Amino acid sequence: MSKLHYITRPSSLKENAPLLIMCHGYGSDENDLFSFASELPEELMIISLRAPYVMQPYGNAWYAINFDADKGKWSDNEQAKQSVNLIAEFIDYACNTYAVDSKNVTLLGFSQGTILSYAVALTYPEKVKNIIALSGYINEDILPESIDESDVSHLNFFCSHGTVDQVIPVDWAQKAPVFLKALNINCEYSEYPVGHGVAPQNFYDLKDWLSKHIN
């Protein structure tokens, strides 16, 4: 049994389907990114996860974001690390449960889901191949202390951000390609004239990139 609730869209393939796992943002749920599913390549097995922490009055979070006068805004990094492990466990569960290719796993995250997708890929690089990182950033506090370049050199990243994002500043996102390229990781980074969301052109670009990288 998976510890995470999820919804699926089956692949057109009977076996060895490429697997795409979606991780939504803070305060959302598994239906949010799943609205993309019908537009993505039909050979993909698509799974959209629901984050484990229930918020009031609605929505879910991968980890708490706290606000106080002294610290300002800060993330619960211990909860974040636990969610990184949950997603890593889920990848194993999905690969054992469905007729997918365990060597062709893509993570697609938005915002908080992106922060975790970066961390899953850089902590458990053997479990993933591609990462689509929308409107997020690399939180180095939830990464391993050292990352071996040879372990991560096969990874591919598509990173994008809105130039007028009012939730996560664009300069936070701009550090990601610098970090990844220092590890010799293949990375494509783009910006779009939007806020904290996915512009139509952004979606077309990620779809085009994904089609090339799942084959």
N, C-alpha and C. Protein backbone atom coordinates (compact mmCIF):
# COMPACT_ATOMS: atom_id res chain seq x y z
N MET A 1 0.84 -1.21 0.00
CA MET A 1 0.00 0.00 0.00
C MET A 1 0.87 1.25 0.00
N SER A 2 0.42 2.24 -0.75
CA SER A 2 1.10 3.53 -0.72
C SER A 2 0.64 4.33 0.50
N LYS A 3 1.57 5.11 1.07
CA LYS A 3 1.20 5.99 2.18
C LYS A 3 0.58 7.29 1.67
N LEU A 4 0.66 7.52 0.37
CA LEU A 4 0.13 8.75 -0.21
C LEU A 4 -1.09 8.46 -1.07
N HIS A 5 -2.09 9.32 -0.97
CA HIS A 5 -3.27 9.22 -1.83
C HIS A 5 -2.89 9.74 -3.22
N TYR A 6 -3.44 9.12 -4.26
CA TYR A 6 -3.09 9.57 -5.62
C TYR A 6 -4.18 9.22 -6.61
N ILE A 7 -4.12 9.86 -7.78
CA ILE A 7 -4.99 9.52 -8.90
C ILE A 7 -4.11 9.21 -10.11
N THR A 8 -4.65 8.46 -11.07
CA THR A 8 -3.82 8.00 -12.20
C THR A 8 -4.50 8.24 -13.55
N ARG A 9 -3.65 8.34 -14.57
CA ARG A 9 -4.11 8.23 -15.96
C ARG A 9 -3.27 7.14 -16.60
N PRO A 10 -3.92 6.07 -17.08
CA PRO A 10 -3.13 4.96 -17.62
C PRO A 10 -2.40 5.33 -18.91
N SER A 11 -1.37 4.54 -19.18
CA SER A 11 -0.59 4.71 -20.41
C SER A 11 -1.26 3.98 -21.56
N SER A 12 -0.94 4.41 -22.78
CA SER A 12 -1.41 3.68 -23.97
C SER A 12 -0.58 2.41 -24.19
N LEU A 13 0.53 2.30 -23.47
CA LEU A 13 1.40 1.13 -23.60
C LEU A 13 1.01 0.05 -22.59
N LYS A 14 1.21 -1.21 -22.97
CA LYS A 14 0.87 -2.33 -22.07
C LYS A 14 2.01 -2.65 -21.09
N GLU A 15 3.23 -2.25 -21.45
CA GLU A 15 4.36 -2.51 -20.57
C GLU A 15 5.45 -1.47 -20.80
N ASN A 16 6.34 -1.36 -19.81
CA ASN A 16 7.48 -0.44 -19.91
C ASN A 16 7.09 1.00 -20.24
N ALA A 17 5.96 1.44 -19.70
CA ALA A 17 5.53 2.82 -19.95
C ALA A 17 6.43 3.79 -19.19
N PRO A 18 6.75 4.94 -19.80
CA PRO A 18 7.43 5.98 -19.01
C PRO A 18 6.46 6.48 -17.93
N LEU A 19 6.98 6.77 -16.76
CA LEU A 19 6.15 7.17 -15.62
C LEU A 19 6.36 8.65 -15.30
N LEU A 20 5.25 9.36 -15.14
CA LEU A 20 5.30 10.77 -14.73
C LEU A 20 4.56 10.91 -13.41
N ILE A 21 5.25 11.43 -12.40
CA ILE A 21 4.64 11.64 -11.08
C ILE A 21 4.55 13.14 -10.81
N MET A 22 3.33 13.59 -10.46
CA MET A 22 3.08 15.02 -10.24
C MET A 22 3.02 15.34 -8.75
N CYS A 23 3.67 16.44 -8.36
CA CYS A 23 3.68 16.90 -6.96
C CYS A 23 3.18 18.34 -6.92
N HIS A 24 2.00 18.53 -6.35
CA HIS A 24 1.35 19.84 -6.37
C HIS A 24 1.99 20.83 -5.38
N GLY A 25 1.52 22.05 -5.42
CA GLY A 25 2.03 23.10 -4.55
C GLY A 25 1.30 23.18 -3.22
N TYR A 26 1.78 24.06 -2.36
CA TYR A 26 1.25 24.29 -1.00
C TYR A 26 -0.21 24.74 -1.07
N GLY A 27 -1.06 24.03 -0.31
CA GLY A 27 -2.47 24.42 -0.23
C GLY A 27 -3.33 23.90 -1.36
N SER A 28 -2.78 23.00 -2.17
CA SER A 28 -3.53 22.47 -3.31
C SER A 28 -3.80 20.98 -3.08
N ASP A 29 -4.11 20.26 -4.16
CA ASP A 29 -4.32 18.81 -4.03
C ASP A 29 -3.98 18.12 -5.35
N GLU A 30 -4.24 16.82 -5.40
CA GLU A 30 -3.82 16.00 -6.53
C GLU A 30 -4.54 16.35 -7.84
N ASN A 31 -5.67 17.06 -7.74
CA ASN A 31 -6.42 17.39 -8.97
C ASN A 31 -5.81 18.58 -9.72
N ASP A 32 -5.00 19.37 -9.04
CA ASP A 32 -4.50 20.62 -9.61
C ASP A 32 -3.67 20.37 -10.87
N LEU A 33 -2.51 19.75 -10.73
CA LEU A 33 -1.65 19.50 -11.89
C LEU A 33 -2.24 18.44 -12.82
N PHE A 34 -3.12 17.59 -12.28
CA PHE A 34 -3.71 16.51 -13.08
C PHE A 34 -4.52 17.08 -14.25
N SER A 35 -4.92 18.35 -14.15
CA SER A 35 -5.65 18.97 -15.25
C SER A 35 -4.78 19.04 -16.52
N PHE A 36 -3.45 18.92 -16.36
CA PHE A 36 -2.53 18.87 -17.50
C PHE A 36 -2.55 17.51 -18.21
N ALA A 37 -2.99 16.48 -17.49
CA ALA A 37 -2.73 15.09 -17.92
C ALA A 37 -3.21 14.80 -19.34
N SER A 38 -4.41 15.26 -19.68
CA SER A 38 -4.98 14.93 -21.00
C SER A 38 -4.19 15.55 -22.14
N GLU A 39 -3.35 16.54 -21.83
CA GLU A 39 -2.56 17.22 -22.87
C GLU A 39 -1.17 16.61 -23.05
N LEU A 40 -0.81 15.67 -22.20
CA LEU A 40 0.55 15.13 -22.23
C LEU A 40 0.61 13.83 -23.04
N PRO A 41 1.80 13.42 -23.49
CA PRO A 41 1.94 12.24 -24.35
C PRO A 41 1.20 11.03 -23.80
N GLU A 42 0.47 10.35 -24.71
CA GLU A 42 -0.42 9.26 -24.25
C GLU A 42 0.34 8.03 -23.76
N GLU A 43 1.63 7.91 -24.14
CA GLU A 43 2.39 6.74 -23.65
C GLU A 43 2.77 6.87 -22.18
N LEU A 44 2.63 8.06 -21.62
CA LEU A 44 2.97 8.26 -20.20
C LEU A 44 1.92 7.62 -19.28
N MET A 45 2.40 6.92 -18.27
CA MET A 45 1.56 6.59 -17.12
C MET A 45 1.69 7.78 -16.18
N ILE A 46 0.58 8.43 -15.87
CA ILE A 46 0.63 9.64 -15.06
C ILE A 46 0.00 9.39 -13.69
N ILE A 47 0.73 9.76 -12.65
CA ILE A 47 0.22 9.65 -11.28
C ILE A 47 0.35 11.01 -10.61
N SER A 48 -0.74 11.49 -10.04
CA SER A 48 -0.71 12.77 -9.33
C SER A 48 -0.92 12.50 -7.84
N LEU A 49 0.04 12.96 -7.04
CA LEU A 49 0.03 12.68 -5.60
C LEU A 49 -0.68 13.78 -4.81
N ARG A 50 -1.22 13.38 -3.66
CA ARG A 50 -1.73 14.35 -2.70
C ARG A 50 -0.74 14.44 -1.55
N ALA A 51 -0.33 15.65 -1.20
CA ALA A 51 0.63 15.85 -0.10
C ALA A 51 0.02 15.36 1.22
N PRO A 52 0.87 14.93 2.17
CA PRO A 52 0.38 14.23 3.37
C PRO A 52 -0.25 15.09 4.46
N TYR A 53 0.04 16.39 4.48
CA TYR A 53 -0.46 17.23 5.59
C TYR A 53 -1.71 17.98 5.18
N VAL A 54 -2.81 17.70 5.87
CA VAL A 54 -4.10 18.33 5.55
C VAL A 54 -4.14 19.73 6.15
N MET A 55 -4.56 20.69 5.33
CA MET A 55 -4.66 22.07 5.79
C MET A 55 -6.13 22.44 6.01
N GLN A 56 -6.35 23.45 6.81
CA GLN A 56 -7.71 23.94 7.06
C GLN A 56 -7.89 25.30 6.37
N PRO A 57 -9.02 25.58 5.74
CA PRO A 57 -10.20 24.72 5.61
C PRO A 57 -10.09 23.68 4.51
N TYR A 58 -9.11 23.82 3.61
CA TYR A 58 -8.96 22.83 2.54
C TYR A 58 -7.53 22.88 2.02
N GLY A 59 -7.20 21.90 1.19
CA GLY A 59 -5.85 21.83 0.62
C GLY A 59 -4.90 20.99 1.45
N ASN A 60 -3.72 20.79 0.90
CA ASN A 60 -2.71 19.94 1.52
C ASN A 60 -1.33 20.55 1.35
N ALA A 61 -0.40 20.13 2.20
CA ALA A 61 0.97 20.64 2.14
C ALA A 61 1.95 19.48 2.28
N TRP A 62 3.12 19.64 1.65
CA TRP A 62 4.20 18.68 1.80
C TRP A 62 4.96 18.93 3.10
N TYR A 63 4.94 20.18 3.54
CA TYR A 63 5.53 20.55 4.82
C TYR A 63 4.98 21.91 5.22
N ALA A 64 5.07 22.20 6.49
CA ALA A 64 4.54 23.47 7.00
C ALA A 64 5.42 24.64 6.59
N ILE A 65 4.76 25.73 6.26
CA ILE A 65 5.45 27.02 6.08
C ILE A 65 4.94 27.90 7.21
N ASN A 66 5.85 28.36 8.06
CA ASN A 66 5.46 29.10 9.26
C ASN A 66 5.80 30.58 9.14
N PHE A 67 5.01 31.37 9.82
CA PHE A 67 5.22 32.83 9.81
C PHE A 67 5.29 33.30 11.25
N ASP A 68 6.38 33.97 11.61
CA ASP A 68 6.37 34.62 12.92
C ASP A 68 7.22 35.89 12.88
N ALA A 69 7.07 36.72 13.87
CA ALA A 69 7.68 38.05 13.86
C ALA A 69 9.21 37.97 13.84
N ASP A 70 9.77 36.97 14.53
CA ASP A 70 11.22 36.88 14.63
C ASP A 70 11.86 36.30 13.37
N LYS A 71 11.32 35.17 12.95
CA LYS A 71 11.94 34.47 11.82
C LYS A 71 11.36 34.89 10.48
N GLY A 72 10.23 35.59 10.52
CA GLY A 72 9.56 35.87 9.26
C GLY A 72 8.97 34.58 8.72
N LYS A 73 9.24 34.28 7.45
CA LYS A 73 8.69 33.09 6.81
C LYS A 73 9.75 32.00 6.79
N TRP A 74 9.43 30.84 7.31
CA TRP A 74 10.42 29.75 7.30
C TRP A 74 9.73 28.40 7.09
N SER A 75 10.48 27.47 6.53
CA SER A 75 9.97 26.15 6.18
C SER A 75 10.35 25.14 7.24
N ASP A 76 9.45 24.17 7.45
CA ASP A 76 9.74 23.06 8.36
C ASP A 76 10.56 22.03 7.58
N ASN A 77 11.89 22.14 7.69
CA ASN A 77 12.76 21.30 6.87
C ASN A 77 12.70 19.83 7.25
N GLU A 78 12.40 19.53 8.52
CA GLU A 78 12.28 18.12 8.91
C GLU A 78 11.07 17.48 8.24
N GLN A 79 9.95 18.20 8.24
CA GLN A 79 8.77 17.68 7.52
C GLN A 79 9.08 17.55 6.03
N ALA A 80 9.81 18.51 5.49
CA ALA A 80 10.16 18.46 4.06
C ALA A 80 10.98 17.21 3.75
N LYS A 81 11.96 16.90 4.60
CA LYS A 81 12.80 15.71 4.39
C LYS A 81 11.96 14.43 4.47
N GLN A 82 10.99 14.41 5.40
CA GLN A 82 10.10 13.24 5.51
C GLN A 82 9.29 13.07 4.22
N SER A 83 8.84 14.20 3.66
CA SER A 83 8.08 14.11 2.41
C SER A 83 8.95 13.69 1.24
N VAL A 84 10.21 14.11 1.24
CA VAL A 84 11.16 13.64 0.22
C VAL A 84 11.24 12.11 0.26
N ASN A 85 11.35 11.56 1.46
CA ASN A 85 11.43 10.10 1.61
C ASN A 85 10.13 9.42 1.20
N LEU A 86 8.99 10.06 1.52
CA LEU A 86 7.69 9.50 1.12
C LEU A 86 7.57 9.41 -0.40
N ILE A 87 8.01 10.47 -1.09
CA ILE A 87 7.94 10.46 -2.56
C ILE A 87 8.89 9.40 -3.13
N ALA A 88 10.08 9.29 -2.55
CA ALA A 88 11.03 8.26 -3.00
C ALA A 88 10.46 6.86 -2.82
N GLU A 89 9.81 6.63 -1.67
CA GLU A 89 9.15 5.33 -1.42
C GLU A 89 8.02 5.11 -2.41
N PHE A 90 7.31 6.19 -2.74
CA PHE A 90 6.19 6.05 -3.68
C PHE A 90 6.69 5.66 -5.07
N ILE A 91 7.83 6.21 -5.48
CA ILE A 91 8.38 5.84 -6.79
C ILE A 91 8.60 4.33 -6.85
N ASP A 92 9.18 3.77 -5.79
CA ASP A 92 9.38 2.31 -5.73
C ASP A 92 8.05 1.57 -5.80
N TYR A 93 7.09 2.06 -5.01
CA TYR A 93 5.76 1.44 -4.99
C TYR A 93 5.14 1.45 -6.40
N ALA A 94 5.19 2.60 -7.07
CA ALA A 94 4.58 2.72 -8.40
C ALA A 94 5.27 1.80 -9.41
N CYS A 95 6.60 1.72 -9.32
CA CYS A 95 7.34 0.88 -10.27
C CYS A 95 7.08 -0.61 -10.03
N ASN A 96 6.73 -0.97 -8.78
CA ASN A 96 6.40 -2.36 -8.47
C ASN A 96 4.94 -2.70 -8.74
N THR A 97 4.09 -1.68 -8.84
CA THR A 97 2.64 -1.88 -8.95
C THR A 97 2.14 -1.78 -10.38
N TYR A 98 2.76 -0.92 -11.17
CA TYR A 98 2.27 -0.66 -12.52
C TYR A 98 3.30 -1.10 -13.56
N ALA A 99 2.83 -1.30 -14.81
CA ALA A 99 3.70 -1.80 -15.89
C ALA A 99 4.51 -0.64 -16.48
N VAL A 100 5.39 -0.10 -15.65
CA VAL A 100 6.18 1.07 -16.06
C VAL A 100 7.67 0.73 -16.11
N ASP A 101 8.41 1.61 -16.77
CA ASP A 101 9.86 1.46 -16.89
C ASP A 101 10.52 2.22 -15.73
N SER A 102 11.09 1.50 -14.79
CA SER A 102 11.67 2.14 -13.61
C SER A 102 12.89 3.00 -13.95
N LYS A 103 13.40 2.86 -15.18
CA LYS A 103 14.54 3.68 -15.61
C LYS A 103 14.08 4.94 -16.36
N ASN A 104 12.76 5.13 -16.43
CA ASN A 104 12.22 6.27 -17.19
C ASN A 104 11.15 6.96 -16.36
N VAL A 105 11.58 7.53 -15.23
CA VAL A 105 10.66 8.19 -14.29
C VAL A 105 10.89 9.69 -14.33
N THR A 106 9.82 10.43 -14.52
CA THR A 106 9.87 11.89 -14.53
C THR A 106 9.07 12.44 -13.35
N LEU A 107 9.63 13.41 -12.64
CA LEU A 107 8.89 14.14 -11.60
C LEU A 107 8.50 15.50 -12.15
N LEU A 108 7.23 15.86 -11.96
CA LEU A 108 6.77 17.19 -12.35
C LEU A 108 6.23 17.88 -11.11
N GLY A 109 6.87 18.96 -10.70
CA GLY A 109 6.44 19.66 -9.50
C GLY A 109 6.06 21.10 -9.79
N PHE A 110 5.21 21.63 -8.92
CA PHE A 110 4.90 23.06 -8.95
C PHE A 110 5.12 23.64 -7.55
N SER A 111 5.88 24.73 -7.47
CA SER A 111 6.09 25.46 -6.22
C SER A 111 6.67 24.54 -5.13
N GLN A 112 5.94 24.29 -4.05
CA GLN A 112 6.46 23.41 -3.00
C GLN A 112 6.75 22.01 -3.56
N GLY A 113 5.94 21.56 -4.50
CA GLY A 113 6.19 20.27 -5.15
C GLY A 113 7.48 20.26 -5.95
N THR A 114 7.85 21.42 -6.49
CA THR A 114 9.12 21.54 -7.21
C THR A 114 10.30 21.48 -6.24
N ILE A 115 10.19 22.17 -5.13
CA ILE A 115 11.26 22.17 -4.12
C ILE A 115 11.56 20.72 -3.71
N LEU A 116 10.50 19.93 -3.53
CA LEU A 116 10.68 18.52 -3.16
C LEU A 116 11.18 17.68 -4.34
N SER A 117 10.73 17.98 -5.54
CA SER A 117 11.21 17.23 -6.71
C SER A 117 12.71 17.40 -6.90
N TYR A 118 13.20 18.63 -6.72
CA TYR A 118 14.65 18.86 -6.75
C TYR A 118 15.33 17.97 -5.70
N ALA A 119 14.79 17.99 -4.49
CA ALA A 119 15.43 17.25 -3.39
C ALA A 119 15.38 15.74 -3.60
N VAL A 120 14.26 15.23 -4.12
CA VAL A 120 14.17 13.79 -4.40
C VAL A 120 15.23 13.40 -5.44
N ALA A 121 15.32 14.18 -6.51
CA ALA A 121 16.27 13.85 -7.58
C ALA A 121 17.72 13.89 -7.10
N LEU A 122 18.03 14.85 -6.25
CA LEU A 122 19.42 15.01 -5.80
C LEU A 122 19.76 14.14 -4.59
N THR A 123 18.73 13.58 -3.94
CA THR A 123 18.95 12.66 -2.82
C THR A 123 18.89 11.21 -3.28
N TYR A 124 17.96 10.93 -4.21
CA TYR A 124 17.75 9.57 -4.72
C TYR A 124 17.86 9.57 -6.25
N PRO A 125 19.01 9.97 -6.80
CA PRO A 125 19.10 10.13 -8.26
C PRO A 125 18.88 8.83 -9.03
N GLU A 126 19.12 7.69 -8.37
CA GLU A 126 18.94 6.41 -9.06
C GLU A 126 17.47 6.12 -9.36
N LYS A 127 16.55 6.83 -8.71
CA LYS A 127 15.12 6.56 -8.87
C LYS A 127 14.46 7.38 -9.98
N VAL A 128 15.15 8.41 -10.47
CA VAL A 128 14.52 9.30 -11.46
C VAL A 128 15.44 9.59 -12.63
N LYS A 129 14.81 10.08 -13.70
CA LYS A 129 15.57 10.44 -14.91
C LYS A 129 15.37 11.92 -15.25
N ASN A 130 14.11 12.36 -15.24
CA ASN A 130 13.78 13.73 -15.64
C ASN A 130 13.04 14.47 -14.54
N ILE A 131 13.25 15.78 -14.48
CA ILE A 131 12.53 16.60 -13.49
C ILE A 131 12.03 17.87 -14.19
N ILE A 132 10.73 18.13 -14.05
CA ILE A 132 10.15 19.38 -14.54
C ILE A 132 9.85 20.22 -13.31
N ALA A 133 10.59 21.32 -13.17
CA ALA A 133 10.56 22.12 -11.95
C ALA A 133 9.91 23.47 -12.25
N LEU A 134 8.62 23.58 -11.94
CA LEU A 134 7.85 24.79 -12.24
C LEU A 134 7.73 25.67 -10.99
N SER A 135 8.13 26.92 -11.11
CA SER A 135 7.89 27.94 -10.07
C SER A 135 8.38 27.51 -8.68
N GLY A 136 9.60 26.98 -8.64
CA GLY A 136 10.17 26.56 -7.35
C GLY A 136 11.64 26.95 -7.26
N TYR A 137 12.32 26.39 -6.29
CA TYR A 137 13.75 26.67 -6.11
C TYR A 137 14.40 25.49 -5.39
N ILE A 138 15.74 25.48 -5.35
CA ILE A 138 16.48 24.44 -4.63
C ILE A 138 16.67 24.90 -3.19
N ASN A 139 16.13 24.12 -2.26
CA ASN A 139 16.37 24.37 -0.83
C ASN A 139 17.53 23.48 -0.39
N GLU A 140 18.72 24.08 -0.28
CA GLU A 140 19.92 23.29 0.03
C GLU A 140 19.86 22.68 1.42
N ASP A 141 19.00 23.20 2.29
CA ASP A 141 18.89 22.67 3.66
C ASP A 141 18.27 21.28 3.71
N ILE A 142 17.61 20.86 2.61
CA ILE A 142 17.00 19.52 2.62
C ILE A 142 17.73 18.57 1.65
N LEU A 143 18.91 18.98 1.20
CA LEU A 143 19.71 18.13 0.32
C LEU A 143 20.78 17.39 1.13
N PRO A 144 21.34 16.32 0.58
CA PRO A 144 22.47 15.65 1.24
C PRO A 144 23.64 16.62 1.38
N GLU A 145 24.49 16.37 2.37
CA GLU A 145 25.64 17.26 2.59
C GLU A 145 26.60 17.26 1.41
N SER A 146 26.74 16.13 0.78
CA SER A 146 27.57 16.08 -0.43
C SER A 146 26.84 15.30 -1.52
N ILE A 147 27.02 15.73 -2.74
CA ILE A 147 26.39 15.08 -3.90
C ILE A 147 27.50 14.68 -4.85
N ASP A 148 27.55 13.40 -5.18
CA ASP A 148 28.58 12.89 -6.08
C ASP A 148 28.14 13.13 -7.52
N GLU A 149 28.97 13.87 -8.24
CA GLU A 149 28.65 14.24 -9.62
C GLU A 149 28.32 13.01 -10.48
N SER A 150 29.04 11.93 -10.27
CA SER A 150 28.82 10.73 -11.10
C SER A 150 27.44 10.10 -10.84
N ASP A 151 26.85 10.34 -9.67
CA ASP A 151 25.53 9.78 -9.35
C ASP A 151 24.39 10.54 -10.01
N VAL A 152 24.65 11.82 -10.33
CA VAL A 152 23.56 12.68 -10.82
C VAL A 152 23.71 13.09 -12.29
N SER A 153 24.77 12.63 -12.93
CA SER A 153 25.08 13.13 -14.28
C SER A 153 24.05 12.71 -15.34
N HIS A 154 23.23 11.70 -15.04
CA HIS A 154 22.22 11.24 -16.01
C HIS A 154 20.94 12.07 -15.95
N LEU A 155 20.79 12.92 -14.94
CA LEU A 155 19.53 13.64 -14.73
C LEU A 155 19.34 14.75 -15.77
N ASN A 156 18.07 15.02 -16.10
CA ASN A 156 17.69 16.11 -16.99
C ASN A 156 16.67 16.99 -16.28
N PHE A 157 16.88 18.29 -16.30
CA PHE A 157 15.96 19.22 -15.64
C PHE A 157 15.40 20.24 -16.62
N PHE A 158 14.09 20.44 -16.53
CA PHE A 158 13.44 21.57 -17.20
C PHE A 158 12.94 22.48 -16.08
N CYS A 159 13.50 23.67 -15.96
CA CYS A 159 13.15 24.59 -14.88
C CYS A 159 12.53 25.84 -15.47
N SER A 160 11.45 26.31 -14.89
CA SER A 160 10.84 27.54 -15.39
C SER A 160 10.27 28.35 -14.23
N HIS A 161 10.14 29.66 -14.48
CA HIS A 161 9.65 30.56 -13.42
C HIS A 161 9.02 31.79 -14.06
N GLY A 162 8.08 32.38 -13.33
CA GLY A 162 7.48 33.64 -13.76
C GLY A 162 8.34 34.82 -13.34
N THR A 163 8.52 35.77 -14.24
CA THR A 163 9.38 36.92 -13.93
C THR A 163 8.76 37.84 -12.88
N VAL A 164 7.43 37.75 -12.73
CA VAL A 164 6.77 38.61 -11.73
C VAL A 164 6.11 37.75 -10.64
N ASP A 165 6.75 36.62 -10.33
CA ASP A 165 6.24 35.72 -9.28
C ASP A 165 6.30 36.45 -7.93
N GLN A 166 5.14 36.59 -7.30
CA GLN A 166 5.05 37.30 -6.02
C GLN A 166 5.16 36.36 -4.83
N VAL A 167 5.19 35.05 -5.07
CA VAL A 167 5.27 34.06 -3.99
C VAL A 167 6.71 33.59 -3.79
N ILE A 168 7.36 33.18 -4.87
CA ILE A 168 8.77 32.77 -4.83
C ILE A 168 9.54 33.68 -5.78
N PRO A 169 10.42 34.53 -5.25
CA PRO A 169 11.14 35.49 -6.09
C PRO A 169 11.92 34.80 -7.21
N VAL A 170 11.92 35.42 -8.37
CA VAL A 170 12.58 34.80 -9.52
C VAL A 170 14.08 34.62 -9.29
N ASP A 171 14.70 35.49 -8.47
CA ASP A 171 16.14 35.30 -8.25
C ASP A 171 16.44 34.06 -7.43
N TRP A 172 15.48 33.55 -6.66
CA TRP A 172 15.67 32.26 -5.98
C TRP A 172 15.74 31.14 -7.03
N ALA A 173 14.86 31.21 -8.00
CA ALA A 173 14.81 30.18 -9.05
C ALA A 173 16.06 30.22 -9.93
N GLN A 174 16.59 31.41 -10.15
CA GLN A 174 17.75 31.57 -11.03
C GLN A 174 19.01 30.89 -10.49
N LYS A 175 19.01 30.59 -9.19
CA LYS A 175 20.17 29.91 -8.60
C LYS A 175 20.20 28.42 -8.98
N ALA A 176 19.04 27.87 -9.34
CA ALA A 176 18.95 26.43 -9.62
C ALA A 176 19.83 25.99 -10.78
N PRO A 177 19.75 26.64 -11.96
CA PRO A 177 20.61 26.17 -13.06
C PRO A 177 22.10 26.30 -12.75
N VAL A 178 22.46 27.31 -11.97
CA VAL A 178 23.87 27.48 -11.57
C VAL A 178 24.31 26.29 -10.71
N PHE A 179 23.45 25.93 -9.74
CA PHE A 179 23.71 24.80 -8.85
C PHE A 179 23.83 23.50 -9.64
N LEU A 180 22.88 23.28 -10.56
CA LEU A 180 22.85 22.03 -11.32
C LEU A 180 24.02 21.93 -12.29
N LYS A 181 24.34 23.02 -12.96
CA LYS A 181 25.44 22.98 -13.93
C LYS A 181 26.79 22.77 -13.24
N ALA A 182 26.90 23.22 -11.99
CA ALA A 182 28.13 22.97 -11.22
C ALA A 182 28.32 21.48 -10.96
N LEU A 183 27.22 20.72 -10.99
CA LEU A 183 27.27 19.26 -10.83
C LEU A 183 27.30 18.55 -12.19
N ASN A 184 27.44 19.36 -13.26
CA ASN A 184 27.48 18.80 -14.62
C ASN A 184 26.17 18.15 -15.04
N ILE A 185 25.06 18.70 -14.55
CA ILE A 185 23.73 18.16 -14.85
C ILE A 185 23.11 18.93 -16.02
N ASN A 186 22.49 18.19 -16.92
CA ASN A 186 21.80 18.78 -18.07
C ASN A 186 20.56 19.55 -17.59
N CYS A 187 20.51 20.84 -17.90
CA CYS A 187 19.46 21.68 -17.35
C CYS A 187 19.04 22.75 -18.36
N GLU A 188 17.72 22.89 -18.53
CA GLU A 188 17.18 23.96 -19.37
C GLU A 188 16.37 24.88 -18.46
N TYR A 189 16.66 26.17 -18.50
CA TYR A 189 15.97 27.12 -17.62
C TYR A 189 15.31 28.23 -18.46
N SER A 190 14.04 28.49 -18.19
CA SER A 190 13.31 29.53 -18.93
C SER A 190 12.47 30.37 -17.98
N GLU A 191 12.27 31.62 -18.36
CA GLU A 191 11.39 32.52 -17.62
C GLU A 191 10.27 33.01 -18.52
N TYR A 192 9.12 33.27 -17.91
CA TYR A 192 7.93 33.72 -18.65
C TYR A 192 7.32 34.91 -17.92
N PRO A 193 6.66 35.81 -18.65
CA PRO A 193 6.14 37.05 -18.04
C PRO A 193 4.83 36.83 -17.28
N VAL A 194 4.90 36.01 -16.24
CA VAL A 194 3.71 35.71 -15.43
C VAL A 194 4.08 35.74 -13.96
N GLY A 195 3.06 35.59 -13.10
CA GLY A 195 3.27 35.49 -11.66
C GLY A 195 3.52 34.05 -11.26
N HIS A 196 2.90 33.63 -10.14
CA HIS A 196 3.12 32.28 -9.61
C HIS A 196 2.15 31.32 -10.29
N GLY A 197 2.50 30.95 -11.52
CA GLY A 197 1.62 30.07 -12.30
C GLY A 197 2.34 29.61 -13.55
N VAL A 198 1.63 28.87 -14.39
CA VAL A 198 2.22 28.30 -15.61
C VAL A 198 1.57 28.96 -16.83
N ALA A 199 2.36 29.74 -17.54
CA ALA A 199 1.88 30.41 -18.75
C ALA A 199 1.66 29.38 -19.86
N PRO A 200 0.73 29.66 -20.80
CA PRO A 200 0.51 28.71 -21.91
C PRO A 200 1.81 28.35 -22.65
N GLN A 201 2.65 29.35 -22.92
CA GLN A 201 3.91 29.07 -23.63
C GLN A 201 4.82 28.16 -22.79
N ASN A 202 4.79 28.36 -21.50
CA ASN A 202 5.55 27.51 -20.56
C ASN A 202 5.08 26.06 -20.69
N PHE A 203 3.78 25.88 -20.75
CA PHE A 203 3.24 24.52 -20.87
C PHE A 203 3.65 23.87 -22.19
N TYR A 204 3.54 24.63 -23.29
CA TYR A 204 3.95 24.08 -24.60
C TYR A 204 5.43 23.70 -24.58
N ASP A 205 6.25 24.54 -23.96
CA ASP A 205 7.69 24.27 -23.92
C ASP A 205 8.01 23.03 -23.08
N LEU A 206 7.32 22.88 -21.94
CA LEU A 206 7.60 21.71 -21.10
C LEU A 206 7.12 20.43 -21.78
N LYS A 207 5.99 20.54 -22.50
CA LYS A 207 5.45 19.37 -23.21
C LYS A 207 6.42 18.93 -24.31
N ASP A 208 6.96 19.90 -25.04
CA ASP A 208 7.93 19.62 -26.10
C ASP A 208 9.19 18.97 -25.51
N TRP A 209 9.68 19.55 -24.40
CA TRP A 209 10.86 19.02 -23.73
C TRP A 209 10.60 17.59 -23.24
N LEU A 210 9.44 17.37 -22.64
CA LEU A 210 9.09 16.07 -22.09
C LEU A 210 9.03 15.02 -23.19
N SER A 211 8.42 15.36 -24.32
CA SER A 211 8.31 14.41 -25.44
C SER A 211 9.70 13.91 -25.88
N LYS A 212 10.68 14.82 -25.86
CA LYS A 212 12.03 14.45 -26.28
C LYS A 212 12.73 13.59 -25.22
N HIS A 213 12.41 13.81 -23.95
CA HIS A 213 13.18 13.16 -22.89
C HIS A 213 12.59 11.86 -22.33
N ILE A 214 11.39 11.50 -22.80
CA ILE A 214 10.84 10.21 -22.33
C ILE A 214 11.11 9.09 -23.34
N ASN A 215 11.73 9.43 -24.45
CA ASN A 215 12.00 8.41 -25.46
C ASN A 215 13.45 7.93 -25.39
